[in-house]
Amino acid sequence: MIELSADGEAVLLPVKVVAGASRTRCLGEWDRRLKVAVAAAPEKGMANRKLVSFLAQRLGVHRRQVQVVAGASSPIKTVRIEHVSVETIKAALLSAQS
């Protein structure tokens, strides 16, 4: 199970990113993290921007609510999603995977 944690009025989502994929999509779970393939190169923040856009769309929140807060230059990242609950993110992840 993906290890979500609350941080005030936000949720911290651990993510494993596979950059340079043919298309952006969820690949399931990896080591208690959400694994996401990103169709962008891991250069100049392009993969991070694509990840933020993708997660915002899949989770039903605005892009400005989603931010990479750890691991900007690593495939292992922590993403902060503002003004949501852990339960909301769990439900959105479950519906996105089905």
Protein backbone atom coordinates (compact mmCIF):
# COMPACT_ATOMS: atom_id res chain seq x y z
CA MET A 1 0.00 0.00 0.00
CA ILE A 2 1.23 3.49 -0.86
CA GLU A 3 2.40 5.32 2.24
CA LEU A 4 0.51 8.63 2.32
CA SER A 5 1.01 11.06 5.19
CA ALA A 6 -0.83 14.17 6.32
CA ASP A 7 1.06 17.45 6.62
CA GLY A 8 -1.33 20.07 7.95
CA GLU A 9 -3.89 20.69 5.22
CA ALA A 10 -1.83 18.74 2.70
CA VAL A 11 -0.88 15.18 1.83
CA LEU A 12 2.63 13.94 1.13
CA LEU A 13 2.69 11.36 -1.65
CA PRO A 14 5.86 9.29 -2.19
CA VAL A 15 6.53 8.72 -5.89
CA LYS A 16 8.99 6.73 -8.02
CA VAL A 17 9.35 8.33 -11.46
CA VAL A 18 10.48 6.58 -14.62
CA ALA A 19 11.40 9.44 -16.96
CA GLY A 20 11.71 9.15 -20.72
CA ALA A 21 8.75 6.78 -21.14
CA SER A 22 6.73 6.60 -24.35
CA ARG A 23 3.65 7.90 -22.51
CA THR A 24 2.75 9.23 -19.08
CA ARG A 25 0.83 6.75 -16.93
CA CYS A 26 0.58 5.13 -13.52
CA LEU A 27 2.52 1.90 -13.23
CA GLY A 28 1.10 0.87 -9.87
CA GLU A 29 3.01 0.63 -6.64
CA TRP A 30 6.73 0.25 -6.01
CA ASP A 31 8.29 0.00 -2.56
CA ARG A 32 5.28 1.73 -0.90
CA ARG A 33 5.39 4.53 -3.48
CA LEU A 34 3.25 5.41 -6.48
CA LYS A 35 5.22 4.50 -9.61
CA VAL A 36 4.66 6.83 -12.56
CA ALA A 37 6.11 6.65 -16.07
CA VAL A 38 6.63 10.15 -17.46
CA ALA A 39 6.89 11.01 -21.15
CA ALA A 40 9.50 13.70 -20.59
CA ALA A 41 13.26 13.74 -20.29
CA PRO A 42 14.80 14.10 -16.85
CA GLU A 43 16.35 17.42 -17.86
CA LYS A 44 15.73 21.01 -16.79
CA GLY A 45 12.73 20.02 -14.65
CA MET A 46 10.69 18.74 -17.60
CA ALA A 47 9.89 15.39 -15.96
CA ASN A 48 8.89 17.13 -12.71
CA ARG A 49 6.52 19.49 -14.55
CA LYS A 50 4.96 16.59 -16.45
CA LEU A 51 4.58 14.65 -13.18
CA VAL A 52 2.85 17.59 -11.46
CA SER A 53 0.45 18.06 -14.39
CA PHE A 54 -0.34 14.37 -14.57
CA LEU A 55 -0.95 13.98 -10.83
CA ALA A 56 -3.12 17.09 -10.67
CA GLN A 57 -5.30 15.77 -13.49
CA ARG A 58 -5.52 12.22 -12.09
CA LEU A 59 -6.25 13.41 -8.54
CA GLY A 60 -8.75 16.07 -9.60
CA VAL A 61 -6.92 19.07 -8.13
CA HIS A 62 -5.42 22.26 -9.58
CA ARG A 63 -1.78 22.18 -10.72
CA ARG A 64 -0.91 24.90 -8.23
CA GLN A 65 -1.90 22.51 -5.40
CA VAL A 66 0.74 19.94 -6.43
CA GLN A 67 4.45 20.47 -5.79
CA VAL A 68 7.57 18.29 -5.75
CA VAL A 69 9.04 18.99 -2.31
CA ALA A 70 11.84 16.39 -2.20
CA GLY A 71 13.88 14.60 -4.84
CA ALA A 72 13.70 17.20 -7.60
CA SER A 73 16.75 15.68 -9.33
CA SER A 74 16.07 12.08 -8.29
CA PRO A 75 13.61 9.43 -9.46
CA ILE A 76 12.53 9.04 -5.82
CA LYS A 77 10.33 12.04 -5.00
CA THR A 78 7.92 13.36 -2.44
CA VAL A 79 4.97 15.31 -3.80
CA ARG A 80 2.88 17.64 -1.63
CA ILE A 81 -0.79 18.07 -2.52
CA GLU A 82 -2.38 21.08 -0.80
CA HIS A 83 -5.91 21.40 0.62
CA VAL A 84 -6.86 17.72 0.45
CA SER A 85 -7.18 14.86 2.91
CA VAL A 86 -5.42 11.51 2.91
CA GLU A 87 -8.79 9.82 2.35
CA THR A 88 -9.46 11.96 -0.75
CA ILE A 89 -6.10 11.04 -2.27
CA LYS A 90 -6.56 7.33 -1.45
CA ALA A 91 -9.94 7.35 -3.17
CA ALA A 92 -8.57 9.18 -6.22
CA LEU A 93 -5.65 6.74 -6.50
CA LEU A 94 -7.96 3.75 -6.26
CA SER A 95 -10.27 5.08 -8.97
CA ALA A 96 -7.29 6.01 -11.18
CA GLN A 97 -5.92 2.47 -11.01
CA SER A 98 -9.21 0.79 -11.92
